[in-house]
């Protein structure tokens, strides 16, 4: 059986990939416009890479530019 590899992204990595500021990122999460992170320790959160990639792809597909 092949193990599934899941990569977790830090907030800073998510900001770099999406070009969103910290405040914009959390505002979008509060509005349900961006996936919520998962808690990985007491003060640390992360996003599964596939979730962020899916969000980016959906933004590309819905772009009218």
Protein backbone atom coordinates (compact mmCIF):
# COMPACT_ATOMS: atom_id res chain seq x y z
CA UNK A 1 0.00 0.00 0.00
CA UNK A 2 1.33 3.46 -0.94
CA UNK A 3 1.23 6.08 1.81
CA UNK A 4 -0.56 9.33 0.99
CA UNK A 5 1.66 12.37 1.31
CA UNK A 6 -0.04 15.51 2.53
CA UNK A 7 1.89 18.75 2.60
CA UNK A 8 0.83 21.42 5.08
CA UNK A 9 1.42 25.09 4.34
CA UNK A 10 2.12 27.75 6.95
CA UNK A 11 0.22 31.02 6.94
CA UNK A 12 3.24 32.74 5.45
CA UNK A 13 3.41 30.18 2.63
CA UNK A 14 -0.30 30.63 1.95
CA UNK A 15 0.16 34.40 1.83
CA UNK A 16 3.03 34.02 -0.62
CA UNK A 17 1.09 31.67 -2.88
CA UNK A 18 -2.13 33.69 -2.86
CA UNK A 19 -0.60 37.20 -2.60
CA UNK A 20 -3.11 37.94 0.17
CA UNK A 21 -2.14 39.93 3.25
CA UNK A 22 -2.66 38.39 6.68
CA UNK A 23 -5.70 40.57 7.37
CA UNK A 24 -7.25 39.85 3.96
CA UNK A 25 -6.67 36.14 4.42
CA UNK A 26 -8.43 36.02 7.78
CA UNK A 27 -11.23 38.33 6.59
CA UNK A 28 -11.89 35.96 3.69
CA UNK A 29 -11.88 32.97 6.05
CA UNK A 30 -14.44 34.74 8.28
CA UNK A 31 -16.68 35.35 5.23
CA UNK A 32 -16.33 31.74 4.05
CA UNK A 33 -14.42 32.86 0.96
CA UNK A 34 -11.20 31.01 1.79
CA UNK A 35 -10.71 27.58 3.41
CA UNK A 36 -10.17 27.53 7.16
CA UNK A 37 -6.85 26.26 8.45
CA UNK A 38 -6.39 23.19 10.60
CA UNK A 39 -4.89 23.50 14.06
CA UNK A 40 -1.65 21.56 14.31
CA UNK A 41 -0.57 22.68 17.80
CA UNK A 42 -1.51 25.17 20.50
CA UNK A 43 -0.67 28.28 18.51
CA UNK A 44 0.06 26.91 15.06
CA UNK A 45 -2.27 26.46 12.10
CA UNK A 46 -1.68 25.22 8.58
CA UNK A 47 -3.54 24.56 5.34
CA UNK A 48 -3.36 21.36 3.29
CA UNK A 49 -1.55 22.27 0.08
CA UNK A 50 -4.24 20.68 -2.08
CA UNK A 51 -6.90 22.88 -0.47
CA UNK A 52 -4.95 26.04 -1.27
CA UNK A 53 -4.17 24.85 -4.81
CA UNK A 54 -7.87 24.07 -5.38
CA UNK A 55 -8.83 27.56 -4.19
CA UNK A 56 -6.26 29.18 -6.48
CA UNK A 57 -7.48 27.09 -9.43
CA UNK A 58 -11.09 28.08 -8.73
CA UNK A 59 -10.08 31.76 -8.75
CA UNK A 60 -8.31 31.28 -12.09
CA UNK A 61 -11.32 29.53 -13.60
CA UNK A 62 -13.77 32.18 -12.39
CA UNK A 63 -11.61 35.08 -13.57
CA UNK A 64 -13.06 37.19 -16.34
CA UNK A 65 -9.86 39.10 -17.09
